[in-house]
């Protein structure tokens, strides 16, 4: 890997189409900006049209002449995903880069998506799974294969896939559910690479995490209805991110590396190089044993196919 990789070392992306979910702010916006700055035609997606318009306006200021559009996509909704994928297939025959970035973090109370999934598991994992499945034909239509970048998290290190309570109906704890969803994301990226090699798909699956990046998802959402202990824990986490974290622009570098760098390996996982992988330059990230467990991966894969009604096998 190139030492101290920056976006300026990324190859030109002229003529290539990239899609970034959750791109109206934070890591998603920075990733979209990086892709656009290298000449890619970028589709930013999100749930809020006003935020989408604001992000496009900002992108044009940050990267004059950028070729970018905004499309509505709610990755917590299987219907929205299906509608979006169908519309995209009507207007293009290939997709060079898919960045599965959109997500939610630590919802204080158990919530469900409109499909009845626990909000974090449904949005962070099942949504990206279904979107990737529906867009796989476009990704595989790229001559040398499209890239799928899945954004994981340091939270995956202590995550556990609780198969007998995946939807946290019996027991819900905000960050337990978040850790499970981000471990599932990492498993998705690694298993997608194995499936691509097994089936001979022209597809490149790579994972990345931003370390401790100062974004709204990490430094907001303190709920006044939480108990005292939960609030104190959340306050501590917020201040830790603010004091010891890195900017969203720096946090996006491992994601941009995974999306563009020729050195990024299929099945690779990238993050910051500093202590605890919290901040620093792009390097190989540590993969927790649970993410390498083939039994867990294949069982989770089957569950995801059944719950989403899509297939990546």
C-alpha atoms as a PDB file:
ATOM      1  CA  UNK A   1       0.000   0.000   0.000  1.00  0.00           C
ATOM      2  CA  UNK A   2       1.195   3.501  -0.825  1.00  0.00           C
ATOM      3  CA  UNK A   3       2.463   5.182   2.325  1.00  0.00           C
ATOM      4  CA  UNK A   4       0.183   7.911   3.683  1.00  0.00           C
ATOM      5  CA  UNK A   5      -2.396   7.500   0.920  1.00  0.00           C
ATOM      6  CA  UNK A   6      -4.443  10.576  -0.020  1.00  0.00           C
ATOM      7  CA  UNK A   7      -7.195  11.187  -2.532  1.00  0.00           C
ATOM      8  CA  UNK A   8      -4.646  12.814  -4.849  1.00  0.00           C
ATOM      9  CA  UNK A   9      -3.082   9.378  -5.330  1.00  0.00           C
ATOM     10  CA  UNK A  10      -6.347   7.869  -6.543  1.00  0.00           C
ATOM     11  CA  UNK A  11      -6.555   7.176 -10.287  1.00  0.00           C
ATOM     12  CA  UNK A  12      -8.795   9.233 -12.513  1.00  0.00           C
ATOM     13  CA  UNK A  13     -12.365   7.920 -12.575  1.00  0.00           C
ATOM     14  CA  UNK A  14     -13.575   9.645 -15.736  1.00  0.00           C
ATOM     15  CA  UNK A  15     -16.380   7.754 -17.441  1.00  0.00           C
ATOM     16  CA  UNK A  16     -17.145   5.661 -14.356  1.00  0.00           C
ATOM     17  CA  UNK A  17     -20.395   5.691 -12.412  1.00  0.00           C
ATOM     18  CA  UNK A  18     -20.358   5.574  -8.611  1.00  0.00           C
ATOM     19  CA  UNK A  19     -23.234   5.337  -6.155  1.00  0.00           C
ATOM     20  CA  UNK A  20     -22.876   6.365  -2.506  1.00  0.00           C
ATOM     21  CA  UNK A  21     -25.678   5.716  -0.026  1.00  0.00           C
ATOM     22  CA  UNK A  22     -26.231   8.105   2.852  1.00  0.00           C
ATOM     23  CA  UNK A  23     -24.305  10.788   0.980  1.00  0.00           C
ATOM     24  CA  UNK A  24     -26.008  13.952   2.204  1.00  0.00           C
ATOM     25  CA  UNK A  25     -23.486  14.453   5.001  1.00  0.00           C
ATOM     26  CA  UNK A  26     -20.615  12.995   6.991  1.00  0.00           C
ATOM     27  CA  UNK A  27     -18.603  10.120   5.582  1.00  0.00           C
ATOM     28  CA  UNK A  28     -20.973   9.579   2.675  1.00  0.00           C
ATOM     29  CA  UNK A  29     -20.657  13.149   1.487  1.00  0.00           C
ATOM     30  CA  UNK A  30     -16.869  13.117   1.816  1.00  0.00           C
ATOM     31  CA  UNK A  31     -16.669   9.846  -0.124  1.00  0.00           C
ATOM     32  CA  UNK A  32     -18.902  11.224  -2.876  1.00  0.00           C
ATOM     33  CA  UNK A  33     -16.758  14.354  -2.989  1.00  0.00           C
ATOM     34  CA  UNK A  34     -13.592  12.264  -3.310  1.00  0.00           C
ATOM     35  CA  UNK A  35     -15.037  10.231  -6.171  1.00  0.00           C
ATOM     36  CA  UNK A  36     -16.315  13.345  -7.951  1.00  0.00           C
ATOM     37  CA  UNK A  37     -12.963  15.093  -7.537  1.00  0.00           C
ATOM     38  CA  UNK A  38     -11.339  12.248  -9.495  1.00  0.00           C
ATOM     39  CA  UNK A  39     -13.813  12.603 -12.339  1.00  0.00           C
ATOM     40  CA  UNK A  40     -16.431   9.963 -11.520  1.00  0.00           C
ATOM     41  CA  UNK A  41     -20.089  10.556 -12.252  1.00  0.00           C
ATOM     42  CA  UNK A  42     -21.571  10.262  -8.776  1.00  0.00           C
ATOM     43  CA  UNK A  43     -25.070   9.483  -7.567  1.00  0.00           C
ATOM     44  CA  UNK A  44     -25.666  10.676  -4.024  1.00  0.00           C
ATOM     45  CA  UNK A  45     -28.586   9.042  -2.254  1.00  0.00           C
ATOM     46  CA  UNK A  46     -30.500   9.727   0.909  1.00  0.00           C
ATOM     47  CA  UNK A  47     -33.967   9.855   2.441  1.00  0.00           C
ATOM     48  CA  UNK A  48     -34.339  13.636   2.635  1.00  0.00           C
ATOM     49  CA  UNK A  49     -34.694  15.631  -0.614  1.00  0.00           C
ATOM     50  CA  UNK A  50     -33.865  18.938   1.071  1.00  0.00           C
ATOM     51  CA  UNK A  51     -30.623  17.538   2.446  1.00  0.00           C
ATOM     52  CA  UNK A  52     -29.938  16.038  -0.967  1.00  0.00           C
ATOM     53  CA  UNK A  53     -30.259  19.398  -2.699  1.00  0.00           C
ATOM     54  CA  UNK A  54     -28.061  21.030  -0.056  1.00  0.00           C
ATOM     55  CA  UNK A  55     -25.422  18.315  -0.496  1.00  0.00           C
ATOM     56  CA  UNK A  56     -25.399  18.785  -4.267  1.00  0.00           C
ATOM     57  CA  UNK A  57     -25.024  22.546  -3.888  1.00  0.00           C
ATOM     58  CA  UNK A  58     -22.155  22.055  -1.469  1.00  0.00           C
ATOM     59  CA  UNK A  59     -20.509  19.488  -3.759  1.00  0.00           C
ATOM     60  CA  UNK A  60     -20.521  21.900  -6.667  1.00  0.00           C
ATOM     61  CA  UNK A  61     -18.795  24.479  -4.481  1.00  0.00           C
ATOM     62  CA  UNK A  62     -16.243  21.994  -3.150  1.00  0.00           C
ATOM     63  CA  UNK A  63     -15.600  20.411  -6.564  1.00  0.00           C
ATOM     64  CA  UNK A  64     -16.576  22.861  -9.326  1.00  0.00           C
ATOM     65  CA  UNK A  65     -17.769  21.064 -12.428  1.00  0.00           C
ATOM     66  CA  UNK A  66     -18.502  17.824 -10.579  1.00  0.00           C
ATOM     67  CA  UNK A  67     -20.890  15.472 -12.394  1.00  0.00           C
ATOM     68  CA  UNK A  68     -23.278  14.561  -9.608  1.00  0.00           C
ATOM     69  CA  UNK A  69     -26.966  13.935  -9.035  1.00  0.00           C
ATOM     70  CA  UNK A  70     -29.130  13.147  -6.029  1.00  0.00           C
ATOM     71  CA  UNK A  71     -31.690  10.328  -5.864  1.00  0.00           C
ATOM     72  CA  UNK A  72     -34.084   9.380  -3.109  1.00  0.00           C
ATOM     73  CA  UNK A  73     -33.266   6.038  -1.516  1.00  0.00           C
ATOM     74  CA  UNK A  74     -34.280   4.779   1.906  1.00  0.00           C
ATOM     75  CA  UNK A  75     -32.088   1.754   2.649  1.00  0.00           C
ATOM     76  CA  UNK A  76     -34.330   0.864   5.593  1.00  0.00           C
ATOM     77  CA  UNK A  77     -37.130   0.075   3.121  1.00  0.00           C
ATOM     78  CA  UNK A  78     -37.063  -2.979   0.848  1.00  0.00           C
ATOM     79  CA  UNK A  79     -39.674  -1.346  -1.377  1.00  0.00           C
ATOM     80  CA  UNK A  80     -37.566   1.796  -1.775  1.00  0.00           C
ATOM     81  CA  UNK A  81     -34.518  -0.330  -2.599  1.00  0.00           C
ATOM     82  CA  UNK A  82     -36.404  -2.331  -5.239  1.00  0.00           C
ATOM     83  CA  UNK A  83     -37.855   0.809  -6.827  1.00  0.00           C
ATOM     84  CA  UNK A  84     -34.487   2.547  -6.885  1.00  0.00           C
ATOM     85  CA  UNK A  85     -32.655  -0.444  -8.360  1.00  0.00           C
ATOM     86  CA  UNK A  86     -35.262  -0.877 -11.088  1.00  0.00           C
ATOM     87  CA  UNK A  87     -35.068   2.798 -12.052  1.00  0.00           C
ATOM     88  CA  UNK A  88     -31.269   2.737 -12.144  1.00  0.00           C
ATOM     89  CA  UNK A  89     -31.267  -0.326 -14.400  1.00  0.00           C
ATOM     90  CA  UNK A  90     -33.584   1.532 -16.775  1.00  0.00           C
ATOM     91  CA  UNK A  91     -31.072   4.334 -17.291  1.00  0.00           C
ATOM     92  CA  UNK A  92     -27.670   2.638 -17.177  1.00  0.00           C
ATOM     93  CA  UNK A  93     -26.206  -0.729 -18.101  1.00  0.00           C
ATOM     94  CA  UNK A  94     -23.340  -0.679 -15.605  1.00  0.00           C
ATOM     95  CA  UNK A  95     -22.300   0.524 -12.164  1.00  0.00           C
ATOM     96  CA  UNK A  96     -18.587   0.819 -11.436  1.00  0.00           C
ATOM     97  CA  UNK A  97     -18.673   1.540  -7.698  1.00  0.00           C
ATOM     98  CA  UNK A  98     -21.277   0.957  -4.986  1.00  0.00           C
ATOM     99  CA  UNK A  99     -20.494   2.363  -1.550  1.00  0.00           C
ATOM    100  CA  UNK A 100     -22.834   0.982   1.117  1.00  0.00           C
ATOM    101  CA  UNK A 101     -22.425   3.728   3.682  1.00  0.00           C
ATOM    102  CA  UNK A 102     -25.895   4.711   4.932  1.00  0.00           C
ATOM    103  CA  UNK A 103     -26.724   3.667   8.456  1.00  0.00           C
ATOM    104  CA  UNK A 104     -28.063   4.522  11.887  1.00  0.00           C
ATOM    105  CA  UNK A 105     -26.292   4.288  15.225  1.00  0.00           C
ATOM    106  CA  UNK A 106     -27.454   3.594  18.748  1.00  0.00           C
ATOM    107  CA  UNK A 107     -31.176   4.352  18.498  1.00  0.00           C
ATOM    108  CA  UNK A 108     -32.068   4.801  22.196  1.00  0.00           C
ATOM    109  CA  UNK A 109     -35.250   2.750  22.028  1.00  0.00           C
ATOM    110  CA  UNK A 110     -36.038  -0.271  19.909  1.00  0.00           C
ATOM    111  CA  UNK A 111     -37.558   0.827  16.617  1.00  0.00           C
ATOM    112  CA  UNK A 112     -38.571  -1.100  13.520  1.00  0.00           C
ATOM    113  CA  UNK A 113     -38.261  -0.436   9.819  1.00  0.00           C
ATOM    114  CA  UNK A 114     -41.450  -0.477   7.764  1.00  0.00           C
ATOM    115  CA  UNK A 115     -40.617  -4.123   6.945  1.00  0.00           C
ATOM    116  CA  UNK A 116     -40.625  -5.040  10.631  1.00  0.00           C
ATOM    117  CA  UNK A 117     -36.862  -5.355  11.173  1.00  0.00           C
ATOM    118  CA  UNK A 118     -35.029  -3.896  14.159  1.00  0.00           C
ATOM    119  CA  UNK A 119     -33.957  -0.485  12.864  1.00  0.00           C
ATOM    120  CA  UNK A 120     -30.188  -0.887  13.063  1.00  0.00           C
ATOM    121  CA  UNK A 121     -30.086  -4.459  11.759  1.00  0.00           C
ATOM    122  CA  UNK A 122     -32.509  -3.572   8.979  1.00  0.00           C
ATOM    123  CA  UNK A 123     -30.868  -0.310   7.909  1.00  0.00           C
ATOM    124  CA  UNK A 124     -27.204  -1.119   8.413  1.00  0.00           C
ATOM    125  CA  UNK A 125     -27.148  -4.704   7.154  1.00  0.00           C
ATOM    126  CA  UNK A 126     -30.309  -6.008   5.496  1.00  0.00           C
ATOM    127  CA  UNK A 127     -30.732  -2.859   3.394  1.00  0.00           C
ATOM    128  CA  UNK A 128     -27.188  -2.946   1.961  1.00  0.00           C
ATOM    129  CA  UNK A 129     -27.540  -6.693   1.393  1.00  0.00           C
ATOM    130  CA  UNK A 130     -30.726  -6.213  -0.631  1.00  0.00           C
ATOM    131  CA  UNK A 131     -29.353  -3.216  -2.541  1.00  0.00           C
ATOM    132  CA  UNK A 132     -26.170  -5.084  -3.471  1.00  0.00           C
ATOM    133  CA  UNK A 133     -28.199  -8.099  -4.589  1.00  0.00           C
ATOM    134  CA  UNK A 134     -30.426  -5.993  -6.829  1.00  0.00           C
ATOM    135  CA  UNK A 135     -27.524  -4.032  -8.318  1.00  0.00           C
ATOM    136  CA  UNK A 136     -25.214  -7.026  -8.839  1.00  0.00           C
ATOM    137  CA  UNK A 137     -26.076  -7.345 -12.561  1.00  0.00           C
ATOM    138  CA  UNK A 138     -24.993  -3.735 -13.150  1.00  0.00           C
ATOM    139  CA  UNK A 139     -21.819  -4.233 -11.140  1.00  0.00           C
ATOM    140  CA  UNK A 140     -20.952  -7.430 -12.982  1.00  0.00           C
ATOM    141  CA  UNK A 141     -21.530  -5.682 -16.326  1.00  0.00           C
ATOM    142  CA  UNK A 142     -18.361  -3.607 -15.779  1.00  0.00           C
ATOM    143  CA  UNK A 143     -15.632  -5.143 -17.997  1.00  0.00           C
ATOM    144  CA  UNK A 144     -13.178  -5.738 -15.161  1.00  0.00           C
ATOM    145  CA  UNK A 145     -15.835  -5.914 -12.465  1.00  0.00           C
ATOM    146  CA  UNK A 146     -17.499  -3.309 -10.292  1.00  0.00           C
ATOM    147  CA  UNK A 147     -16.475  -2.578  -6.717  1.00  0.00           C
ATOM    148  CA  UNK A 148     -18.721  -2.958  -3.710  1.00  0.00           C
ATOM    149  CA  UNK A 149     -17.427  -1.091  -0.667  1.00  0.00           C
ATOM    150  CA  UNK A 150     -19.114  -1.910   2.625  1.00  0.00           C
ATOM    151  CA  UNK A 151     -18.592   0.539   5.472  1.00  0.00           C
ATOM    152  CA  UNK A 152     -18.077  -1.330   8.729  1.00  0.00           C
ATOM    153  CA  UNK A 153     -17.002   0.067  12.107  1.00  0.00           C
ATOM    154  CA  UNK A 154     -14.675  -0.486  15.021  1.00  0.00           C
ATOM    155  CA  UNK A 155     -17.859  -1.577  16.780  1.00  0.00           C
ATOM    156  CA  UNK A 156     -17.633  -4.820  14.807  1.00  0.00           C
ATOM    157  CA  UNK A 157     -14.695  -5.865  16.990  1.00  0.00           C
ATOM    158  CA  UNK A 158     -16.986  -6.609  19.921  1.00  0.00           C
ATOM    159  CA  UNK A 159     -20.091  -7.505  17.938  1.00  0.00           C
ATOM    160  CA  UNK A 160     -21.934 -10.797  18.160  1.00  0.00           C
ATOM    161  CA  UNK A 161     -24.532 -12.242  15.804  1.00  0.00           C
ATOM    162  CA  UNK A 162     -27.381 -13.305  18.077  1.00  0.00           C
ATOM    163  CA  UNK A 163     -29.216 -15.723  15.800  1.00  0.00           C
ATOM    164  CA  UNK A 164     -31.933 -16.535  18.320  1.00  0.00           C
ATOM    165  CA  UNK A 165     -32.795 -12.821  18.703  1.00  0.00           C
ATOM    166  CA  UNK A 166     -31.522 -11.018  15.590  1.00  0.00           C
ATOM    167  CA  UNK A 167     -34.317  -8.456  15.795  1.00  0.00           C
ATOM    168  CA  UNK A 168     -33.708  -7.776  19.512  1.00  0.00           C
ATOM    169  CA  UNK A 169     -37.316  -8.467  20.407  1.00  0.00           C
ATOM    170  CA  UNK A 170     -36.476 -10.122  23.716  1.00  0.00           C
ATOM    171  CA  UNK A 171     -33.643  -7.843  24.718  1.00  0.00           C
ATOM    172  CA  UNK A 172     -32.693  -4.505  23.209  1.00  0.00           C
ATOM    173  CA  UNK A 173     -29.572  -2.520  24.046  1.00  0.00           C
ATOM    174  CA  UNK A 174     -28.708   0.322  21.628  1.00  0.00           C
ATOM    175  CA  UNK A 175     -25.028  -0.362  21.096  1.00  0.00           C
ATOM    176  CA  UNK A 176     -25.327  -4.122  21.345  1.00  0.00           C
ATOM    177  CA  UNK A 177     -27.657  -3.908  18.345  1.00  0.00           C
ATOM    178  CA  UNK A 178     -25.297  -1.496  16.581  1.00  0.00           C
ATOM    179  CA  UNK A 179     -22.279  -3.740  17.138  1.00  0.00           C
ATOM    180  CA  UNK A 180     -24.198  -6.713  15.742  1.00  0.00           C
ATOM    181  CA  UNK A 181     -25.203  -4.759  12.615  1.00  0.00           C
ATOM    182  CA  UNK A 182     -21.648  -3.592  11.892  1.00  0.00           C
ATOM    183  CA  UNK A 183     -20.188  -7.054  12.404  1.00  0.00           C
ATOM    184  CA  UNK A 184     -22.840  -8.256   9.964  1.00  0.00           C
ATOM    185  CA  UNK A 185     -21.633  -5.619   7.478  1.00  0.00           C
ATOM    186  CA  UNK A 186     -18.068  -6.888   7.698  1.00  0.00           C
ATOM    187  CA  UNK A 187     -19.271 -10.464   7.293  1.00  0.00           C
ATOM    188  CA  UNK A 188     -21.262  -9.346   4.233  1.00  0.00           C
ATOM    189  CA  UNK A 189     -18.158  -7.862   2.599  1.00  0.00           C
ATOM    190  CA  UNK A 190     -15.982 -10.910   3.241  1.00  0.00           C
ATOM    191  CA  UNK A 191     -18.630 -13.436   2.232  1.00  0.00           C
ATOM    192  CA  UNK A 192     -19.468 -11.456  -0.917  1.00  0.00           C
ATOM    193  CA  UNK A 193     -15.815 -11.748  -1.915  1.00  0.00           C
ATOM    194  CA  UNK A 194     -15.931 -15.518  -1.345  1.00  0.00           C
ATOM    195  CA  UNK A 195     -19.171 -15.839  -3.306  1.00  0.00           C
ATOM    196  CA  UNK A 196     -17.741 -13.786  -6.185  1.00  0.00           C
ATOM    197  CA  UNK A 197     -14.695 -16.056  -6.411  1.00  0.00           C
ATOM    198  CA  UNK A 198     -16.803 -19.205  -6.109  1.00  0.00           C
ATOM    199  CA  UNK A 199     -19.219 -18.189  -8.860  1.00  0.00           C
ATOM    200  CA  UNK A 200     -16.698 -16.409 -11.056  1.00  0.00           C
ATOM    201  CA  UNK A 201     -18.476 -13.063 -10.826  1.00  0.00           C
ATOM    202  CA  UNK A 202     -16.523 -10.030 -12.076  1.00  0.00           C
ATOM    203  CA  UNK A 203     -17.040  -8.290  -8.751  1.00  0.00           C
ATOM    204  CA  UNK A 204     -14.702  -6.816  -6.139  1.00  0.00           C
ATOM    205  CA  UNK A 205     -15.886  -6.695  -2.526  1.00  0.00           C
ATOM    206  CA  UNK A 206     -13.878  -4.602  -0.078  1.00  0.00           C
ATOM    207  CA  UNK A 207     -14.621  -3.306   3.432  1.00  0.00           C
ATOM    208  CA  UNK A 208     -13.459  -0.207   5.258  1.00  0.00           C
ATOM    209  CA  UNK A 209     -14.052   1.588   8.521  1.00  0.00           C
ATOM    210  CA  UNK A 210     -13.445   5.264   9.418  1.00  0.00           C
ATOM    211  CA  UNK A 211     -12.048   4.842  12.920  1.00  0.00           C
ATOM    212  CA  UNK A 212     -13.390   7.533  15.219  1.00  0.00           C
ATOM    213  CA  UNK A 213     -14.712  10.119  12.785  1.00  0.00           C
ATOM    214  CA  UNK A 214     -16.440  13.267  13.982  1.00  0.00           C
ATOM    215  CA  UNK A 215     -19.759  12.995  12.188  1.00  0.00           C
ATOM    216  CA  UNK A 216     -23.330  13.714  13.253  1.00  0.00           C
ATOM    217  CA  UNK A 217     -24.073  10.008  13.648  1.00  0.00           C
ATOM    218  CA  UNK A 218     -21.264   9.704  16.202  1.00  0.00           C
ATOM    219  CA  UNK A 219     -21.557  12.981  18.107  1.00  0.00           C
ATOM    220  CA  UNK A 220     -25.280  13.609  18.417  1.00  0.00           C
ATOM    221  CA  UNK A 221     -28.557  11.876  19.255  1.00  0.00           C
ATOM    222  CA  UNK A 222     -28.305  12.115  23.042  1.00  0.00           C
ATOM    223  CA  UNK A 223     -31.780  11.140  24.260  1.00  0.00           C
ATOM    224  CA  UNK A 224     -33.073  12.949  27.347  1.00  0.00           C
ATOM    225  CA  UNK A 225     -35.425  10.033  28.090  1.00  0.00           C
ATOM    226  CA  UNK A 226     -32.555   7.613  28.642  1.00  0.00           C
ATOM    227  CA  UNK A 227     -31.657   6.549  32.148  1.00  0.00           C
ATOM    228  CA  UNK A 228     -28.844   8.321  33.962  1.00  0.00           C
ATOM    229  CA  UNK A 229     -26.269   5.584  33.363  1.00  0.00           C
ATOM    230  CA  UNK A 230     -27.120   5.368  29.670  1.00  0.00           C
ATOM    231  CA  UNK A 231     -26.910   9.148  29.301  1.00  0.00           C
ATOM    232  CA  UNK A 232     -23.551   9.317  31.074  1.00  0.00           C
ATOM    233  CA  UNK A 233     -22.185   6.545  28.862  1.00  0.00           C
ATOM    234  CA  UNK A 234     -23.445   8.337  25.760  1.00  0.00           C
ATOM    235  CA  UNK A 235     -22.002  11.683  26.899  1.00  0.00           C
ATOM    236  CA  UNK A 236     -18.633  10.021  27.444  1.00  0.00           C
ATOM    237  CA  UNK A 237     -18.715   8.473  23.978  1.00  0.00           C
ATOM    238  CA  UNK A 238     -19.655  11.785  22.354  1.00  0.00           C
ATOM    239  CA  UNK A 239     -16.788  13.641  24.023  1.00  0.00           C
ATOM    240  CA  UNK A 240     -14.332  10.862  23.224  1.00  0.00           C
ATOM    241  CA  UNK A 241     -15.194  11.182  19.531  1.00  0.00           C
ATOM    242  CA  UNK A 242     -14.930  14.964  19.672  1.00  0.00           C
ATOM    243  CA  UNK A 243     -11.612  15.040  21.495  1.00  0.00           C
ATOM    244  CA  UNK A 244      -9.817  12.009  20.055  1.00  0.00           C
ATOM    245  CA  UNK A 245     -11.561  11.457  16.743  1.00  0.00           C
ATOM    246  CA  UNK A 246     -10.570  12.676  13.302  1.00  0.00           C
ATOM    247  CA  UNK A 247     -12.495  14.726  10.782  1.00  0.00           C
ATOM    248  CA  UNK A 248     -15.048  13.189   8.456  1.00  0.00           C
ATOM    249  CA  UNK A 249     -12.697  13.937   5.548  1.00  0.00           C
ATOM    250  CA  UNK A 250      -9.923  11.879   7.160  1.00  0.00           C
ATOM    251  CA  UNK A 251     -12.359   9.181   8.260  1.00  0.00           C
ATOM    252  CA  UNK A 252     -13.509   8.792   4.656  1.00  0.00           C
ATOM    253  CA  UNK A 253     -10.007   8.053   3.351  1.00  0.00           C
ATOM    254  CA  UNK A 254     -10.129   4.270   3.995  1.00  0.00           C
ATOM    255  CA  UNK A 255     -13.509   4.182   2.227  1.00  0.00           C
ATOM    256  CA  UNK A 256     -12.167   6.161  -0.738  1.00  0.00           C
ATOM    257  CA  UNK A 257      -9.110   3.900  -0.834  1.00  0.00           C
ATOM    258  CA  UNK A 258     -11.368   0.843  -0.992  1.00  0.00           C
ATOM    259  CA  UNK A 259     -13.464   2.469  -3.724  1.00  0.00           C
ATOM    260  CA  UNK A 260     -10.663   3.681  -5.995  1.00  0.00           C
ATOM    261  CA  UNK A 261      -7.127   2.529  -5.183  1.00  0.00           C
ATOM    262  CA  UNK A 262      -5.670  -0.160  -7.467  1.00  0.00           C
ATOM    263  CA  UNK A 263      -3.835  -1.497  -4.404  1.00  0.00           C
ATOM    264  CA  UNK A 264      -7.079  -2.285  -2.555  1.00  0.00           C
ATOM    265  CA  UNK A 265      -7.393  -6.080  -2.406  1.00  0.00           C
ATOM    266  CA  UNK A 266     -10.535  -8.112  -2.982  1.00  0.00           C
ATOM    267  CA  UNK A 267     -11.692  -9.239   0.439  1.00  0.00           C
ATOM    268  CA  UNK A 268      -9.534  -6.560   2.072  1.00  0.00           C
ATOM    269  CA  UNK A 269     -10.478  -4.476   5.096  1.00  0.00           C
ATOM    270  CA  UNK A 270      -9.022  -0.998   5.589  1.00  0.00           C
ATOM    271  CA  UNK A 271      -9.001   1.565   8.368  1.00  0.00           C
ATOM    272  CA  UNK A 272      -6.787   4.127  10.162  1.00  0.00           C
ATOM    273  CA  UNK A 273      -3.262   3.186  11.213  1.00  0.00           C
ATOM    274  CA  UNK A 274      -3.140   4.849  14.635  1.00  0.00           C
ATOM    275  CA  UNK A 275      -3.580   3.393  18.104  1.00  0.00           C
ATOM    276  CA  UNK A 276      -6.725   1.327  18.293  1.00  0.00           C
ATOM    277  CA  UNK A 277      -7.393   2.143  14.623  1.00  0.00           C
ATOM    278  CA  UNK A 278      -9.165   5.270  15.833  1.00  0.00           C
ATOM    279  CA  UNK A 279      -7.372   7.756  13.583  1.00  0.00           C
ATOM    280  CA  UNK A 280      -4.401   7.960  11.241  1.00  0.00           C
ATOM    281  CA  UNK A 281      -3.367   6.989   7.730  1.00  0.00           C
ATOM    282  CA  UNK A 282      -4.960   4.232   5.673  1.00  0.00           C
ATOM    283  CA  UNK A 283      -3.777   0.720   6.434  1.00  0.00           C
ATOM    284  CA  UNK A 284      -5.029  -2.859   6.737  1.00  0.00           C
ATOM    285  CA  UNK A 285      -7.600  -3.170   9.514  1.00  0.00           C
ATOM    286  CA  UNK A 286      -7.898  -5.993  12.008  1.00  0.00           C
ATOM    287  CA  UNK A 287     -10.588  -8.547  11.183  1.00  0.00           C
ATOM    288  CA  UNK A 288     -12.182 -10.027  14.319  1.00  0.00           C
ATOM    289  CA  UNK A 289     -12.441 -13.829  14.489  1.00  0.00           C
ATOM    290  CA  UNK A 290     -16.252 -13.729  14.364  1.00  0.00           C
ATOM    291  CA  UNK A 291     -16.068 -12.085  10.933  1.00  0.00           C
ATOM    292  CA  UNK A 292     -13.892 -14.939   9.633  1.00  0.00           C
ATOM    293  CA  UNK A 293     -16.170 -17.710  10.902  1.00  0.00           C
ATOM    294  CA  UNK A 294     -17.549 -19.402   7.784  1.00  0.00           C
ATOM    295  CA  UNK A 295     -20.366 -21.110   9.670  1.00  0.00           C
ATOM    296  CA  UNK A 296     -21.635 -17.784  10.980  1.00  0.00           C
ATOM    297  CA  UNK A 297     -21.187 -16.130   7.568  1.00  0.00           C
ATOM    298  CA  UNK A 298     -23.140 -18.732   5.648  1.00  0.00           C
ATOM    299  CA  UNK A 299     -25.940 -18.894   8.184  1.00  0.00           C
ATOM    300  CA  UNK A 300     -26.249 -15.103   8.233  1.00  0.00           C
ATOM    301  CA  UNK A 301     -26.204 -15.050   4.420  1.00  0.00           C
ATOM    302  CA  UNK A 302     -29.123 -17.488   4.266  1.00  0.00           C
ATOM    303  CA  UNK A 303     -31.058 -15.489   6.845  1.00  0.00           C
ATOM    304  CA  UNK A 304     -30.490 -12.262   4.898  1.00  0.00           C
ATOM    305  CA  UNK A 305     -31.684 -13.833   1.645  1.00  0.00           C
ATOM    306  CA  UNK A 306     -34.832 -15.110   3.339  1.00  0.00           C
ATOM    307  CA  UNK A 307     -35.656 -11.858   5.143  1.00  0.00           C
ATOM    308  CA  UNK A 308     -35.020  -9.577   2.159  1.00  0.00           C
ATOM    309  CA  UNK A 309     -36.405 -11.821  -0.556  1.00  0.00           C
ATOM    310  CA  UNK A 310     -33.251 -11.243  -2.590  1.00  0.00           C
ATOM    311  CA  UNK A 311     -30.370 -13.522  -3.508  1.00  0.00           C
ATOM    312  CA  UNK A 312     -26.639 -12.925  -3.614  1.00  0.00           C
ATOM    313  CA  UNK A 313     -25.798 -16.609  -4.085  1.00  0.00           C
END
